[in-house]
PDB file of N, CA and C in Angstrom:
ATOM      1  N   MET A   1      22.047  -0.449  38.690  1.00  0.00           N
ATOM      2  CA  MET A   1      21.525  -0.449  39.973  1.00  0.00           C
ATOM      3  C   MET A   1      20.207   0.488  39.483  1.00  0.00           C
ATOM      4  N   SER A   2      19.683   0.170  40.866  1.00  0.00           N
ATOM      5  CA  SER A   2      18.265   1.451  40.109  1.00  0.00           C
ATOM      6  C   SER A   2      18.248   2.288  41.248  1.00  0.00           C
ATOM      7  N   ASP A   3      17.723   3.789  41.426  1.00  0.00           N
ATOM      8  CA  ASP A   3      18.267   5.255  41.988  1.00  0.00           C
ATOM      9  C   ASP A   3      16.503   5.522  42.662  1.00  0.00           C
ATOM     10  N   PRO A   4      16.463   5.690  44.190  1.00  0.00           N
ATOM     11  CA  PRO A   4      15.377   5.455  44.552  1.00  0.00           C
ATOM     12  C   PRO A   4      14.992   6.891  44.811  1.00  0.00           C
ATOM     13  N   PHE A   5      16.538   7.835  44.187  1.00  0.00           N
ATOM     14  CA  PHE A   5      16.495   9.045  44.559  1.00  0.00           C
ATOM     15  C   PHE A   5      15.809  10.631  43.033  1.00  0.00           C
ATOM     16  N   LYS A   6      15.990   9.639  41.812  1.00  0.00           N
ATOM     17  CA  LYS A   6      15.581  10.180  40.884  1.00  0.00           C
ATOM     18  C   LYS A   6      14.822  10.978  40.502  1.00  0.00           C
ATOM     19  N   SER A   7      12.999  10.494  41.363  1.00  0.00           N
ATOM     20  CA  SER A   7      12.151  11.872  41.585  1.00  0.00           C
ATOM     21  C   SER A   7      12.489  12.581  42.397  1.00  0.00           C
ATOM     22  N   HIS A   8      13.668  12.708  43.031  1.00  0.00           N
ATOM     23  CA  HIS A   8      13.469  13.767  43.712  1.00  0.00           C
ATOM     24  C   HIS A   8      14.005  15.317  43.759  1.00  0.00           C
ATOM     25  N   ALA A   9      13.788  16.257  43.752  1.00  0.00           N
ATOM     26  CA  ALA A   9      14.419  17.536  43.443  1.00  0.00           C
ATOM     27  C   ALA A   9      15.586  17.431  44.197  1.00  0.00           C
ATOM     28  N   LEU A  10      16.869  18.436  43.489  1.00  0.00           N
ATOM     29  CA  LEU A  10      17.450  18.039  44.022  1.00  0.00           C
ATOM     30  C   LEU A  10      17.954  19.799  44.523  1.00  0.00           C
ATOM     31  N   GLY A  11      17.925  19.812  45.645  1.00  0.00           N
ATOM     32  CA  GLY A  11      18.339  21.501  46.590  1.00  0.00           C
ATOM     33  C   GLY A  11      19.518  22.231  45.746  1.00  0.00           C
ATOM     34  N   PRO A  12      19.682  23.232  45.858  1.00  0.00           N
ATOM     35  CA  PRO A  12      20.967  23.975  45.498  1.00  0.00           C
ATOM     36  C   PRO A  12      22.023  22.934  46.663  1.00  0.00           C
ATOM     37  N   ALA A  13      21.689  22.732  47.842  1.00  0.00           N
ATOM     38  CA  ALA A  13      23.117  22.369  48.683  1.00  0.00           C
ATOM     39  C   ALA A  13      23.100  20.876  48.870  1.00  0.00           C
ATOM     40  N   GLY A  14      22.285  20.294  48.079  1.00  0.00           N
ATOM     41  CA  GLY A  14      22.220  18.567  47.716  1.00  0.00           C
ATOM     42  C   GLY A  14      23.920  18.588  47.000  1.00  0.00           C
ATOM     43  N   PRO A  15      23.773  16.850  46.672  1.00  0.00           N
ATOM     44  CA  PRO A  15      25.054  16.933  46.463  1.00  0.00           C
ATOM     45  C   PRO A  15      25.218  16.821  45.129  1.00  0.00           C
ATOM     46  N   ALA A  16      26.435  16.666  44.581  1.00  0.00           N
ATOM     47  CA  ALA A  16      26.703  17.649  43.072  1.00  0.00           C
ATOM     48  C   ALA A  16      26.660  16.195  42.113  1.00  0.00           C
ATOM     49  N   ILE A  17      25.767  15.995  41.198  1.00  0.00           N
ATOM     50  CA  ILE A  17      25.597  14.755  40.008  1.00  0.00           C
ATOM     51  C   ILE A  17      26.576  15.195  38.781  1.00  0.00           C
ATOM     52  N   GLY A  18      27.329  15.942  39.500  1.00  0.00           N
ATOM     53  CA  GLY A  18      28.257  15.525  38.139  1.00  0.00           C
ATOM     54  C   GLY A  18      29.664  16.645  38.056  1.00  0.00           C
ATOM     55  N   GLY A  19      30.468  16.841  37.657  1.00  0.00           N
ATOM     56  CA  GLY A  19      32.151  17.439  37.476  1.00  0.00           C
ATOM     57  C   GLY A  19      32.732  17.468  36.366  1.00  0.00           C
ATOM     58  N   PHE A  20      33.363  18.338  35.999  1.00  0.00           N
ATOM     59  CA  PHE A  20      34.140  18.998  35.570  1.00  0.00           C
ATOM     60  C   PHE A  20      35.344  19.314  35.662  1.00  0.00           C
ATOM     61  N   ALA A  21      36.467  19.032  35.174  1.00  0.00           N
ATOM     62  CA  ALA A  21      38.043  20.233  35.013  1.00  0.00           C
ATOM     63  C   ALA A  21      37.410  21.459  34.111  1.00  0.00           C
ATOM     64  N   VAL A  22      37.727  22.820  35.270  1.00  0.00           N
ATOM     65  CA  VAL A  22      37.664  23.826  34.852  1.00  0.00           C
ATOM     66  C   VAL A  22      39.372  24.787  34.347  1.00  0.00           C
ATOM     67  N   THR A  23      39.102  25.775  32.849  1.00  0.00           N
ATOM     68  CA  THR A  23      40.116  25.863  33.401  1.00  0.00           C
ATOM     69  C   THR A  23      39.363  27.648  32.808  1.00  0.00           C
ATOM     70  N   PRO A  24      41.009  28.484  33.879  1.00  0.00           N
ATOM     71  CA  PRO A  24      39.925  29.726  34.058  1.00  0.00           C
ATOM     72  C   PRO A  24      39.889  30.385  32.676  1.00  0.00           C
ATOM     73  N   SER A  25      39.584  31.444  32.365  1.00  0.00           N
ATOM     74  CA  SER A  25      38.748  32.205  30.962  1.00  0.00           C
ATOM     75  C   SER A  25      38.303  33.946  31.078  1.00  0.00           C
ATOM     76  N   ASP A  26      39.202  34.595  31.102  1.00  0.00           N
ATOM     77  CA  ASP A  26      38.202  35.714  31.350  1.00  0.00           C
ATOM     78  C   ASP A  26      37.484  36.088  29.774  1.00  0.00           C
ATOM     79  N   SER A  27      37.090  35.251  29.466  1.00  0.00           N
ATOM     80  CA  SER A  27      36.162  35.315  27.738  1.00  0.00           C
ATOM     81  C   SER A  27      34.580  34.205  27.703  1.00  0.00           C
ATOM     82  N   SER A  28      34.618  33.219  28.579  1.00  0.00           N
ATOM     83  CA  SER A  28      34.336  31.867  28.637  1.00  0.00           C
ATOM     84  C   SER A  28      33.690  31.576  29.366  1.00  0.00           C
ATOM     85  N   ASP A  29      32.212  31.448  29.291  1.00  0.00           N
ATOM     86  CA  ASP A  29      31.421  31.196  30.815  1.00  0.00           C
ATOM     87  C   ASP A  29      31.297  29.063  30.343  1.00  0.00           C
ATOM     88  N   LEU A  30      31.445  28.859  31.959  1.00  0.00           N
ATOM     89  CA  LEU A  30      31.675  26.754  31.548  1.00  0.00           C
ATOM     90  C   LEU A  30      30.567  26.113  31.013  1.00  0.00           C
ATOM     91  N   ALA A  31      31.135  25.563  31.007  1.00  0.00           N
ATOM     92  CA  ALA A  31      29.789  24.981  29.282  1.00  0.00           C
ATOM     93  C   ALA A  31      28.743  24.735  30.806  1.00  0.00           C
ATOM     94  N   GLN A  32      28.733  24.493  31.471  1.00  0.00           N
ATOM     95  CA  GLN A  32      27.782  24.711  32.715  1.00  0.00           C
ATOM     96  C   GLN A  32      27.735  25.318  34.052  1.00  0.00           C
ATOM     97  N   ALA A  33      26.080  26.542  34.563  1.00  0.00           N
ATOM     98  CA  ALA A  33      26.846  26.550  35.890  1.00  0.00           C
ATOM     99  C   ALA A  33      26.831  25.614  37.189  1.00  0.00           C
ATOM    100  N   VAL A  34      28.124  25.721  37.544  1.00  0.00           N
ATOM    101  CA  VAL A  34      28.622  25.723  38.679  1.00  0.00           C
ATOM    102  C   VAL A  34      28.027  25.613  40.064  1.00  0.00           C
ATOM    103  N   ARG A  35      28.251  24.576  41.092  1.00  0.00           N
ATOM    104  CA  ARG A  35      27.530  24.232  42.838  1.00  0.00           C
ATOM    105  C   ARG A  35      28.821  25.029  43.640  1.00  0.00           C
ATOM    106  N   ALA A  36      30.022  24.428  43.364  1.00  0.00           N
ATOM    107  CA  ALA A  36      31.110  24.297  44.293  1.00  0.00           C
ATOM    108  C   ALA A  36      32.010  24.323  42.910  1.00  0.00           C
ATOM    109  N   VAL A  37      34.060  25.022  43.014  1.00  0.00           N
ATOM    110  CA  VAL A  37      34.313  23.857  43.038  1.00  0.00           C
ATOM    111  C   VAL A  37      35.891  24.115  44.268  1.00  0.00           C
ATOM    112  N   SER A  38      36.104  22.301  43.416  1.00  0.00           N
ATOM    113  CA  SER A  38      37.206  21.992  44.551  1.00  0.00           C
ATOM    114  C   SER A  38      38.970  22.423  43.655  1.00  0.00           C
ATOM    115  N   ILE A  39      39.633  23.801  44.653  1.00  0.00           N
ATOM    116  CA  ILE A  39      41.343  23.503  44.348  1.00  0.00           C
ATOM    117  C   ILE A  39      42.059  21.574  44.882  1.00  0.00           C
ATOM    118  N   GLY A  40      42.549  21.074  43.959  1.00  0.00           N
ATOM    119  CA  GLY A  40      43.210  19.870  43.490  1.00  0.00           C
ATOM    120  C   GLY A  40      44.509  20.094  43.695  1.00  0.00           C
ATOM    121  N   GLY A  41      45.651  21.570  42.325  1.00  0.00           N
ATOM    122  CA  GLY A  41      46.827  21.572  42.775  1.00  0.00           C
ATOM    123  C   GLY A  41      46.725  22.844  45.012  1.00  0.00           C
ATOM    124  N   GLU A  42      47.703  23.677  43.717  1.00  0.00           N
ATOM    125  CA  GLU A  42      48.412  24.892  44.346  1.00  0.00           C
ATOM    126  C   GLU A  42      47.266  25.281  44.778  1.00  0.00           C
ATOM    127  N   GLY A  43      46.960  25.723  45.822  1.00  0.00           N
ATOM    128  CA  GLY A  43      45.671  26.943  46.813  1.00  0.00           C
ATOM    129  C   GLY A  43      45.990  28.522  46.730  1.00  0.00           C
ATOM    130  N   GLY A  44      44.843  28.840  46.365  1.00  0.00           N
ATOM    131  CA  GLY A  44      45.161  29.998  45.316  1.00  0.00           C
ATOM    132  C   GLY A  44      44.131  31.291  45.719  1.00  0.00           C
ATOM    133  N   THR A  45      43.753  31.836  45.124  1.00  0.00           N
ATOM    134  CA  THR A  45      42.462  32.649  45.013  1.00  0.00           C
ATOM    135  C   THR A  45      41.981  31.960  43.737  1.00  0.00           C
ATOM    136  N   LEU A  46      40.124  32.369  43.978  1.00  0.00           N
ATOM    137  CA  LEU A  46      39.639  31.367  43.130  1.00  0.00           C
ATOM    138  C   LEU A  46      38.842  33.692  42.393  1.00  0.00           C
ATOM    139  N   SER A  47      38.531  33.915  41.147  1.00  0.00           N
ATOM    140  CA  SER A  47      37.268  34.694  40.907  1.00  0.00           C
ATOM    141  C   SER A  47      36.741  34.247  39.480  1.00  0.00           C
ATOM    142  N   PHE A  48      35.652  34.576  40.452  1.00  0.00           N
ATOM    143  CA  PHE A  48      34.884  34.144  39.651  1.00  0.00           C
ATOM    144  C   PHE A  48      32.550  34.609  38.955  1.00  0.00           C
ATOM    145  N   ILE A  49      32.304  34.837  38.177  1.00  0.00           N
ATOM    146  CA  ILE A  49      31.488  35.517  37.776  1.00  0.00           C
ATOM    147  C   ILE A  49      30.036  34.323  38.442  1.00  0.00           C
ATOM    148  N   SER A  50      29.205  35.098  39.560  1.00  0.00           N
ATOM    149  CA  SER A  50      28.051  34.660  39.561  1.00  0.00           C
ATOM    150  C   SER A  50      27.010  34.114  38.865  1.00  0.00           C
ATOM    151  N   SER A  51      26.321  32.697  38.891  1.00  0.00           N
ATOM    152  CA  SER A  51      25.391  32.541  38.124  1.00  0.00           C
ATOM    153  C   SER A  51      23.642  33.408  38.887  1.00  0.00           C
ATOM    154  N   ARG A  52      24.422  34.321  39.838  1.00  0.00           N
ATOM    155  CA  ARG A  52      22.511  33.915  40.596  1.00  0.00           C
ATOM    156  C   ARG A  52      23.059  35.657  39.583  1.00  0.00           C
ATOM    157  N   ASP A  53      24.116  36.931  39.996  1.00  0.00           N
ATOM    158  CA  ASP A  53      23.772  37.846  39.843  1.00  0.00           C
ATOM    159  C   ASP A  53      24.393  38.533  39.054  1.00  0.00           C
ATOM    160  N   ALA A  54      25.369  37.477  38.102  1.00  0.00           N
ATOM    161  CA  ALA A  54      26.132  38.029  37.380  1.00  0.00           C
ATOM    162  C   ALA A  54      27.447  39.285  38.192  1.00  0.00           C
ATOM    163  N   GLN A  55      27.764  39.075  39.046  1.00  0.00           N
ATOM    164  CA  GLN A  55      28.644  40.373  40.268  1.00  0.00           C
ATOM    165  C   GLN A  55      30.039  39.612  39.669  1.00  0.00           C
ATOM    166  N   THR A  56      30.555  39.855  40.057  1.00  0.00           N
ATOM    167  CA  THR A  56      32.283  39.462  39.867  1.00  0.00           C
ATOM    168  C   THR A  56      32.871  39.549  40.714  1.00  0.00           C
ATOM    169  N   TYR A  57      33.101  38.178  41.730  1.00  0.00           N
ATOM    170  CA  TYR A  57      33.759  37.779  42.896  1.00  0.00           C
ATOM    171  C   TYR A  57      34.898  37.342  42.774  1.00  0.00           C
ATOM    172  N   THR A  58      35.931  37.805  44.187  1.00  0.00           N
ATOM    173  CA  THR A  58      38.007  37.162  44.412  1.00  0.00           C
ATOM    174  C   THR A  58      38.023  37.339  45.884  1.00  0.00           C
ATOM    175  N   THR A  59      38.170  35.644  45.977  1.00  0.00           N
ATOM    176  CA  THR A  59      37.893  35.663  47.552  1.00  0.00           C
ATOM    177  C   THR A  59      39.306  35.930  47.723  1.00  0.00           C
ATOM    178  N   GLY A  60      39.918  35.234  49.002  1.00  0.00           N
ATOM    179  CA  GLY A  60      41.273  35.642  49.303  1.00  0.00           C
ATOM    180  C   GLY A  60      42.253  34.262  49.820  1.00  0.00           C
ATOM    181  N   GLU A  61      43.408  33.898  50.132  1.00  0.00           N
ATOM    182  CA  GLU A  61      43.413  32.307  49.504  1.00  0.00           C
ATOM    183  C   GLU A  61      42.717  31.393  50.515  1.00  0.00           C
ATOM    184  N   LEU A  62      43.249  30.444  49.513  1.00  0.00           N
ATOM    185  CA  LEU A  62      41.891  29.432  49.420  1.00  0.00           C
ATOM    186  C   LEU A  62      43.575  28.441  49.623  1.00  0.00           C
ATOM    187  N   LEU A  63      43.046  27.286  50.736  1.00  0.00           N
ATOM    188  CA  LEU A  63      43.813  26.309  50.648  1.00  0.00           C
ATOM    189  C   LEU A  63      43.189  24.975  49.506  1.00  0.00           C
ATOM    190  N   PRO A  64      43.816  23.603  49.632  1.00  0.00           N
ATOM    191  CA  PRO A  64      43.163  22.889  48.535  1.00  0.00           C
ATOM    192  C   PRO A  64      42.319  22.393  49.223  1.00  0.00           C
ATOM    193  N   GLY A  65      40.690  22.309  48.370  1.00  0.00           N
ATOM    194  CA  GLY A  65      39.504  21.921  49.057  1.00  0.00           C
ATOM    195  C   GLY A  65      38.537  22.003  48.108  1.00  0.00           C
ATOM    196  N   THR A  66      37.389  21.846  49.031  1.00  0.00           N
ATOM    197  CA  THR A  66      35.741  22.598  48.012  1.00  0.00           C
ATOM    198  C   THR A  66      35.113  23.533  48.876  1.00  0.00           C
ATOM    199  N   TYR A  67      35.281  24.070  47.901  1.00  0.00           N
ATOM    200  CA  TYR A  67      33.731  25.707  48.406  1.00  0.00           C
ATOM    201  C   TYR A  67      32.301  26.022  46.963  1.00  0.00           C
ATOM    202  N   PRO A  68      31.685  25.842  48.455  1.00  0.00           N
ATOM    203  CA  PRO A  68      30.112  26.115  47.504  1.00  0.00           C
ATOM    204  C   PRO A  68      30.225  26.933  47.011  1.00  0.00           C
ATOM    205  N   LEU A  69      30.327  27.254  45.683  1.00  0.00           N
ATOM    206  CA  LEU A  69      29.206  28.775  45.184  1.00  0.00           C
ATOM    207  C   LEU A  69      28.787  27.958  44.561  1.00  0.00           C
ATOM    208  N   PHE A  70      28.098  29.854  43.503  1.00  0.00           N
ATOM    209  CA  PHE A  70      27.339  29.489  42.641  1.00  0.00           C
ATOM    210  C   PHE A  70      28.534  30.447  41.255  1.00  0.00           C
ATOM    211  N   ALA A  71      28.540  29.647  39.739  1.00  0.00           N
ATOM    212  CA  ALA A  71      29.721  30.783  39.291  1.00  0.00           C
ATOM    213  C   ALA A  71      29.271  30.045  38.139  1.00  0.00           C
ATOM    214  N   ARG A  72      29.126  30.812  36.893  1.00  0.00           N
ATOM    215  CA  ARG A  72      28.832  30.510  35.371  1.00  0.00           C
ATOM    216  C   ARG A  72      30.394  30.596  35.528  1.00  0.00           C
ATOM    217  N   ARG A  73      31.118  31.228  35.587  1.00  0.00           N
ATOM    218  CA  ARG A  73      32.849  31.870  34.919  1.00  0.00           C
ATOM    219  C   ARG A  73      33.556  31.449  36.015  1.00  0.00           C
ATOM    220  N   ILE A  74      34.644  31.097  35.563  1.00  0.00           N
ATOM    221  CA  ILE A  74      36.107  31.233  37.197  1.00  0.00           C
ATOM    222  C   ILE A  74      36.795  31.347  36.119  1.00  0.00           C
ATOM    223  N   ARG A  75      37.213  33.415  36.607  1.00  0.00           N
ATOM    224  CA  ARG A  75      37.732  33.765  35.493  1.00  0.00           C
ATOM    225  C   ARG A  75      40.091  33.140  35.545  1.00  0.00           C
ATOM    226  N   ALA A  76      40.700  34.022  35.028  1.00  0.00           N
ATOM    227  CA  ALA A  76      42.278  33.657  34.856  1.00  0.00           C
ATOM    228  C   ALA A  76      42.328  34.373  35.404  1.00  0.00           C
ATOM    229  N   THR A  77      42.102  36.772  35.455  1.00  0.00           N
ATOM    230  CA  THR A  77      42.630  36.774  35.779  1.00  0.00           C
ATOM    231  C   THR A  77      41.488  36.912  37.549  1.00  0.00           C
ATOM    232  N   GLY A  78      43.098  37.060  38.246  1.00  0.00           N
ATOM    233  CA  GLY A  78      42.219  36.852  39.632  1.00  0.00           C
ATOM    234  C   GLY A  78      42.663  35.654  40.440  1.00  0.00           C
ATOM    235  N   THR A  79      42.741  34.310  39.395  1.00  0.00           N
ATOM    236  CA  THR A  79      43.023  33.011  40.226  1.00  0.00           C
ATOM    237  C   THR A  79      43.909  32.276  40.329  1.00  0.00           C
ATOM    238  N   THR A  80      44.454  32.170  41.812  1.00  0.00           N
ATOM    239  CA  THR A  80      45.687  32.216  41.218  1.00  0.00           C
ATOM    240  C   THR A  80      45.811  30.398  41.434  1.00  0.00           C
ATOM    241  N   ALA A  81      44.576  29.601  41.954  1.00  0.00           N
ATOM    242  CA  ALA A  81      44.434  28.349  42.702  1.00  0.00           C
ATOM    243  C   ALA A  81      44.942  27.229  40.712  1.00  0.00           C
ATOM    244  N   THR A  82      44.619  26.243  40.821  1.00  0.00           N
ATOM    245  CA  THR A  82      44.936  25.748  40.623  1.00  0.00           C
ATOM    246  C   THR A  82      44.554  23.836  40.596  1.00  0.00           C
ATOM    247  N   GLY A  83      44.502  23.254  39.698  1.00  0.00           N
ATOM    248  CA  GLY A  83      43.955  21.667  39.292  1.00  0.00           C
ATOM    249  C   GLY A  83      42.325  21.546  40.151  1.00  0.00           C
ATOM    250  N   LEU A  84      41.287  22.471  38.658  1.00  0.00           N
ATOM    251  CA  LEU A  84      40.413  23.348  39.181  1.00  0.00           C
ATOM    252  C   LEU A  84      39.328  22.315  38.551  1.00  0.00           C
ATOM    253  N   THR A  85      38.227  21.821  40.009  1.00  0.00           N
ATOM    254  CA  THR A  85      36.926  20.681  39.481  1.00  0.00           C
ATOM    255  C   THR A  85      35.902  21.995  39.396  1.00  0.00           C
ATOM    256  N   GLY A  86      34.499  22.241  38.750  1.00  0.00           N
ATOM    257  CA  GLY A  86      33.379  22.128  39.017  1.00  0.00           C
ATOM    258  C   GLY A  86      32.506  21.402  38.761  1.00  0.00           C
ATOM    259  N   TRP A  87      32.287  21.349  40.155  1.00  0.00           N
ATOM    260  CA  TRP A  87      30.856  20.221  40.369  1.00  0.00           C
ATOM    261  C   TRP A  87      29.223  21.107  40.366  1.00  0.00           C
ATOM    262  N   ILE A  88      28.058  20.081  39.388  1.00  0.00           N
ATOM    263  CA  ILE A  88      27.207  20.629  39.510  1.00  0.00           C
ATOM    264  C   ILE A  88      26.348  19.521  39.824  1.00  0.00           C
TER     265      ILE A  88
END
């Protein structure tokens, strides 16, 4: 099937073009920075390092669902949510 949108630029709020399972780590960046994270298991908190300003952020309690954020790392310390998927 052809993709009529292949030559269009993808903005930061555009749809995901891929995804992968995320294992939180305090020392390793993700294979690729993500634009959103889905919580597919138990809800909880996310602690991440922003791919935009390199600052560390920690959310409050989140329910399972998808959350837009730019992250280069999902930290183990401060992350209690499970079943994480990163969207690029």
